[in-house]
PDB file of all heavy atoms in Angstrom:
ATOM      1  N   PRO A   1    -244.702 -92.979  57.749  1.00  0.00           N
ATOM      2  CA  PRO A   1    -244.024 -91.877  58.430  1.00  0.00           C
ATOM      3  C   PRO A   1    -243.769 -92.119  59.879  1.00  0.00           C
ATOM      4  O   PRO A   1    -242.907 -91.627  60.516  1.00  0.00           O
ATOM      5  CB  PRO A   1    -244.893 -90.622  58.298  1.00  0.00           C
ATOM      6  CG  PRO A   1    -246.261 -91.164  57.874  1.00  0.00           C
ATOM      7  CD  PRO A   1    -245.924 -92.496  57.162  1.00  0.00           C
ATOM      8  N   ALA A   2    -244.470 -93.100  60.572  1.00  0.00           N
ATOM      9  CA  ALA A   2    -244.415 -93.570  61.872  1.00  0.00           C
ATOM     10  C   ALA A   2    -243.139 -94.397  62.122  1.00  0.00           C
ATOM     11  O   ALA A   2    -242.658 -94.540  63.278  1.00  0.00           O
ATOM     12  CB  ALA A   2    -245.635 -94.173  62.466  1.00  0.00           C
ATOM     13  N   ALA A   3    -242.600 -94.897  60.944  1.00  0.00           N
ATOM     14  CA  ALA A   3    -241.529 -95.806  60.974  1.00  0.00           C
ATOM     15  C   ALA A   3    -240.033 -95.215  61.086  1.00  0.00           C
ATOM     16  O   ALA A   3    -239.191 -95.733  61.556  1.00  0.00           O
ATOM     17  CB  ALA A   3    -241.420 -96.824  59.772  1.00  0.00           C
ATOM     18  N   VAL A   4    -240.005 -93.962  60.746  1.00  0.00           N
ATOM     19  CA  VAL A   4    -238.731 -93.226  60.803  1.00  0.00           C
ATOM     20  C   VAL A   4    -238.958 -91.768  61.219  1.00  0.00           C
ATOM     21  O   VAL A   4    -240.073 -91.245  61.016  1.00  0.00           O
ATOM     22  CB  VAL A   4    -238.023 -93.129  59.441  1.00  0.00           C
ATOM     23  CG1 VAL A   4    -237.491 -94.600  59.050  1.00  0.00           C
ATOM     24  CG2 VAL A   4    -238.811 -92.610  58.398  1.00  0.00           C
ATOM     25  N   PRO A   5    -237.958 -91.079  61.790  1.00  0.00           N
ATOM     26  CA  PRO A   5    -238.154 -89.723  62.240  1.00  0.00           C
ATOM     27  C   PRO A   5    -238.148 -88.816  60.854  1.00  0.00           C
ATOM     28  O   PRO A   5    -237.580 -89.137  59.887  1.00  0.00           O
ATOM     29  CB  PRO A   5    -236.952 -89.356  63.053  1.00  0.00           C
ATOM     30  CG  PRO A   5    -235.975 -90.342  62.782  1.00  0.00           C
ATOM     31  CD  PRO A   5    -236.711 -91.604  62.275  1.00  0.00           C
ATOM     32  N   ALA A   6    -239.005 -87.768  60.986  1.00  0.00           N
ATOM     33  CA  ALA A   6    -239.047 -86.741  59.922  1.00  0.00           C
ATOM     34  C   ALA A   6    -237.778 -85.983  59.797  1.00  0.00           C
ATOM     35  O   ALA A   6    -237.243 -85.473  60.876  1.00  0.00           O
ATOM     36  CB  ALA A   6    -240.180 -85.815  60.101  1.00  0.00           C
ATOM     37  N   GLU A   7    -237.367 -85.679  58.627  1.00  0.00           N
ATOM     38  CA  GLU A   7    -236.251 -84.643  58.452  1.00  0.00           C
ATOM     39  C   GLU A   7    -236.956 -83.405  58.028  1.00  0.00           C
ATOM     40  O   GLU A   7    -237.485 -83.320  56.855  1.00  0.00           O
ATOM     41  CB  GLU A   7    -235.254 -85.132  57.418  1.00  0.00           C
ATOM     42  CG  GLU A   7    -234.148 -84.107  57.117  1.00  0.00           C
ATOM     43  CD  GLU A   7    -233.295 -84.652  56.007  1.00  0.00           C
ATOM     44  OE1 GLU A   7    -233.241 -85.774  55.641  1.00  0.00           O
ATOM     45  OE2 GLU A   7    -232.737 -83.744  55.427  1.00  0.00           O
ATOM     46  N   ARG A   8    -237.068 -82.412  58.805  1.00  0.00           N
ATOM     47  CA  ARG A   8    -237.885 -81.101  58.376  1.00  0.00           C
ATOM     48  C   ARG A   8    -236.821 -80.129  58.011  1.00  0.00           C
ATOM     49  O   ARG A   8    -235.690 -79.882  58.627  1.00  0.00           O
ATOM     50  CB  ARG A   8    -238.657 -80.641  59.606  1.00  0.00           C
ATOM     51  CG  ARG A   8    -239.692 -81.636  59.927  1.00  0.00           C
ATOM     52  CD  ARG A   8    -240.668 -81.077  61.024  1.00  0.00           C
ATOM     53  NE  ARG A   8    -241.746 -82.121  61.226  1.00  0.00           N
ATOM     54  CZ  ARG A   8    -242.671 -82.435  60.523  1.00  0.00           C
ATOM     55  NH1 ARG A   8    -242.997 -81.797  59.380  1.00  0.00           N
ATOM     56  NH2 ARG A   8    -243.570 -83.398  60.865  1.00  0.00           N
ATOM     57  N   PHE A   9    -237.047 -79.425  56.991  1.00  0.00           N
ATOM     58  CA  PHE A   9    -236.154 -78.373  56.371  1.00  0.00           C
ATOM     59  C   PHE A   9    -236.870 -77.295  55.608  1.00  0.00           C
ATOM     60  O   PHE A   9    -238.028 -77.471  55.204  1.00  0.00           O
ATOM     61  CB  PHE A   9    -234.948 -79.148  55.570  1.00  0.00           C
ATOM     62  CG  PHE A   9    -235.516 -79.911  54.421  1.00  0.00           C
ATOM     63  CD1 PHE A   9    -235.593 -79.346  53.185  1.00  0.00           C
ATOM     64  CD2 PHE A   9    -235.970 -81.102  54.560  1.00  0.00           C
ATOM     65  CE1 PHE A   9    -235.983 -79.959  52.026  1.00  0.00           C
ATOM     66  CE2 PHE A   9    -236.508 -81.852  53.440  1.00  0.00           C
ATOM     67  CZ  PHE A   9    -236.525 -81.243  52.218  1.00  0.00           C
ATOM     68  N   THR A  10    -236.120 -76.260  55.292  1.00  0.00           N
ATOM     69  CA  THR A  10    -236.631 -75.140  54.402  1.00  0.00           C
ATOM     70  C   THR A  10    -235.727 -75.218  53.148  1.00  0.00           C
ATOM     71  O   THR A  10    -234.614 -75.352  53.117  1.00  0.00           O
ATOM     72  CB  THR A  10    -236.467 -73.867  55.065  1.00  0.00           C
ATOM     73  OG1 THR A  10    -237.286 -73.954  56.355  1.00  0.00           O
ATOM     74  CG2 THR A  10    -237.043 -72.690  54.360  1.00  0.00           C
ATOM     75  N   ALA A  11    -236.494 -74.930  52.003  1.00  0.00           N
ATOM     76  CA  ALA A  11    -235.651 -75.017  50.698  1.00  0.00           C
ATOM     77  C   ALA A  11    -234.642 -73.850  50.707  1.00  0.00           C
ATOM     78  O   ALA A  11    -234.787 -72.800  51.461  1.00  0.00           O
ATOM     79  CB  ALA A  11    -236.663 -74.752  49.568  1.00  0.00           C
ATOM     80  N   ALA A  12    -233.491 -74.142  50.116  1.00  0.00           N
ATOM     81  CA  ALA A  12    -232.383 -73.147  49.988  1.00  0.00           C
ATOM     82  C   ALA A  12    -232.876 -71.860  49.149  1.00  0.00           C
ATOM     83  O   ALA A  12    -233.785 -72.066  48.366  1.00  0.00           O
ATOM     84  CB  ALA A  12    -231.256 -73.771  49.217  1.00  0.00           C
ATOM     85  N   PRO A  13    -232.535 -70.729  49.695  1.00  0.00           N
ATOM     86  CA  PRO A  13    -233.015 -69.542  49.059  1.00  0.00           C
ATOM     87  C   PRO A  13    -232.989 -69.507  47.496  1.00  0.00           C
ATOM     88  O   PRO A  13    -233.889 -68.924  46.890  1.00  0.00           O
ATOM     89  CB  PRO A  13    -231.988 -68.401  49.680  1.00  0.00           C
ATOM     90  CG  PRO A  13    -231.535 -69.091  50.901  1.00  0.00           C
ATOM     91  CD  PRO A  13    -231.404 -70.583  50.572  1.00  0.00           C
ATOM     92  N   GLU A  14    -231.992 -70.085  46.877  1.00  0.00           N
ATOM     93  CA  GLU A  14    -231.815 -70.097  45.441  1.00  0.00           C
ATOM     94  C   GLU A  14    -232.916 -70.900  44.724  1.00  0.00           C
ATOM     95  O   GLU A  14    -233.180 -70.868  43.613  1.00  0.00           O
ATOM     96  CB  GLU A  14    -230.461 -70.464  44.975  1.00  0.00           C
ATOM     97  CG  GLU A  14    -230.099 -71.877  45.321  1.00  0.00           C
ATOM     98  CD  GLU A  14    -229.453 -72.093  46.674  1.00  0.00           C
ATOM     99  OE1 GLU A  14    -229.416 -71.129  47.516  1.00  0.00           O
ATOM    100  OE2 GLU A  14    -228.899 -73.133  46.861  1.00  0.00           O
ATOM    101  N   LYS A  15    -233.501 -71.885  45.607  1.00  0.00           N
ATOM    102  CA  LYS A  15    -234.474 -72.760  45.060  1.00  0.00           C
ATOM    103  C   LYS A  15    -235.958 -72.224  45.296  1.00  0.00           C
ATOM    104  O   LYS A  15    -236.908 -72.562  44.693  1.00  0.00           O
ATOM    105  CB  LYS A  15    -234.403 -74.179  45.595  1.00  0.00           C
ATOM    106  CG  LYS A  15    -233.136 -74.873  45.171  1.00  0.00           C
ATOM    107  CD  LYS A  15    -233.084 -76.387  45.623  1.00  0.00           C
ATOM    108  CE  LYS A  15    -231.977 -77.170  45.017  1.00  0.00           C
ATOM    109  NZ  LYS A  15    -232.042 -78.558  45.365  1.00  0.00           N
ATOM    110  N   LEU A  16    -235.983 -71.307  46.203  1.00  0.00           N
ATOM    111  CA  LEU A  16    -237.255 -70.872  46.719  1.00  0.00           C
ATOM    112  C   LEU A  16    -237.753 -69.696  45.794  1.00  0.00           C
ATOM    113  O   LEU A  16    -237.100 -68.620  45.913  1.00  0.00           O
ATOM    114  CB  LEU A  16    -237.311 -70.453  48.132  1.00  0.00           C
ATOM    115  CG  LEU A  16    -238.677 -69.960  48.858  1.00  0.00           C
ATOM    116  CD1 LEU A  16    -239.545 -71.228  48.757  1.00  0.00           C
ATOM    117  CD2 LEU A  16    -238.320 -69.635  50.298  1.00  0.00           C
ATOM    118  N   ALA A  17    -238.836 -69.875  45.120  1.00  0.00           N
ATOM    119  CA  ALA A  17    -239.350 -68.877  44.283  1.00  0.00           C
ATOM    120  C   ALA A  17    -240.593 -68.067  45.000  1.00  0.00           C
ATOM    121  O   ALA A  17    -240.888 -66.916  44.653  1.00  0.00           O
ATOM    122  CB  ALA A  17    -239.809 -69.285  42.796  1.00  0.00           C
ATOM    123  N   ALA A  18    -241.381 -68.778  45.765  1.00  0.00           N
ATOM    124  CA  ALA A  18    -242.548 -68.218  46.487  1.00  0.00           C
ATOM    125  C   ALA A  18    -242.791 -69.301  47.681  1.00  0.00           C
ATOM    126  O   ALA A  18    -242.691 -70.340  47.558  1.00  0.00           O
ATOM    127  CB  ALA A  18    -243.674 -68.047  45.572  1.00  0.00           C
ATOM    128  N   GLY A  19    -243.499 -68.622  48.605  1.00  0.00           N
ATOM    129  CA  GLY A  19    -243.854 -69.373  49.832  1.00  0.00           C
ATOM    130  C   GLY A  19    -242.830 -69.572  50.829  1.00  0.00           C
ATOM    131  O   GLY A  19    -241.799 -68.950  50.893  1.00  0.00           O
ATOM    132  N   SER A  20    -243.088 -70.457  51.843  1.00  0.00           N
ATOM    133  CA  SER A  20    -242.134 -70.700  53.001  1.00  0.00           C
ATOM    134  C   SER A  20    -241.010 -71.532  52.679  1.00  0.00           C
ATOM    135  O   SER A  20    -240.036 -71.477  53.337  1.00  0.00           O
ATOM    136  CB  SER A  20    -242.926 -71.152  54.231  1.00  0.00           C
ATOM    137  OG  SER A  20    -243.440 -72.492  53.888  1.00  0.00           O
ATOM    138  N   GLY A  21    -241.290 -72.559  51.727  1.00  0.00           N
ATOM    139  CA  GLY A  21    -240.277 -73.586  51.464  1.00  0.00           C
ATOM    140  C   GLY A  21    -240.151 -74.606  52.410  1.00  0.00           C
ATOM    141  O   GLY A  21    -239.280 -75.511  52.416  1.00  0.00           O
ATOM    142  N   ASP A  22    -241.126 -74.635  53.448  1.00  0.00           N
ATOM    143  CA  ASP A  22    -241.122 -75.659  54.366  1.00  0.00           C
ATOM    144  C   ASP A  22    -241.472 -77.027  53.791  1.00  0.00           C
ATOM    145  O   ASP A  22    -242.483 -77.273  53.152  1.00  0.00           O
ATOM    146  CB  ASP A  22    -242.120 -75.357  55.464  1.00  0.00           C
ATOM    147  CG  ASP A  22    -241.823 -74.086  56.335  1.00  0.00           C
ATOM    148  OD1 ASP A  22    -240.539 -73.861  56.346  1.00  0.00           O
ATOM    149  OD2 ASP A  22    -242.574 -73.547  56.996  1.00  0.00           O
ATOM    150  N   GLN A  23    -240.588 -78.055  54.189  1.00  0.00           N
ATOM    151  CA  GLN A  23    -240.763 -79.378  53.633  1.00  0.00           C
ATOM    152  C   GLN A  23    -240.453 -80.411  54.831  1.00  0.00           C
ATOM    153  O   GLN A  23    -239.690 -80.094  55.808  1.00  0.00           O
ATOM    154  CB  GLN A  23    -239.862 -79.706  52.470  1.00  0.00           C
ATOM    155  CG  GLN A  23    -240.053 -78.621  51.328  1.00  0.00           C
ATOM    156  CD  GLN A  23    -238.979 -78.770  50.312  1.00  0.00           C
ATOM    157  OE1 GLN A  23    -238.672 -79.757  49.739  1.00  0.00           O
ATOM    158  NE2 GLN A  23    -238.224 -77.726  50.057  1.00  0.00           N
ATOM    159  N   ALA A  24    -240.718 -81.590  54.598  1.00  0.00           N
ATOM    160  CA  ALA A  24    -240.402 -82.675  55.439  1.00  0.00           C
ATOM    161  C   ALA A  24    -240.224 -83.915  54.668  1.00  0.00           C
ATOM    162  O   ALA A  24    -240.849 -84.218  53.696  1.00  0.00           O
ATOM    163  CB  ALA A  24    -241.414 -82.968  56.613  1.00  0.00           C
TER     164      ALA A  24
END
């Protein structure tokens, strides 16, 4: 992960069933 920048995002509402949906 130190080799490239993180792409941080939240799951699309239609994909999110529970939780924050936070991903990287």
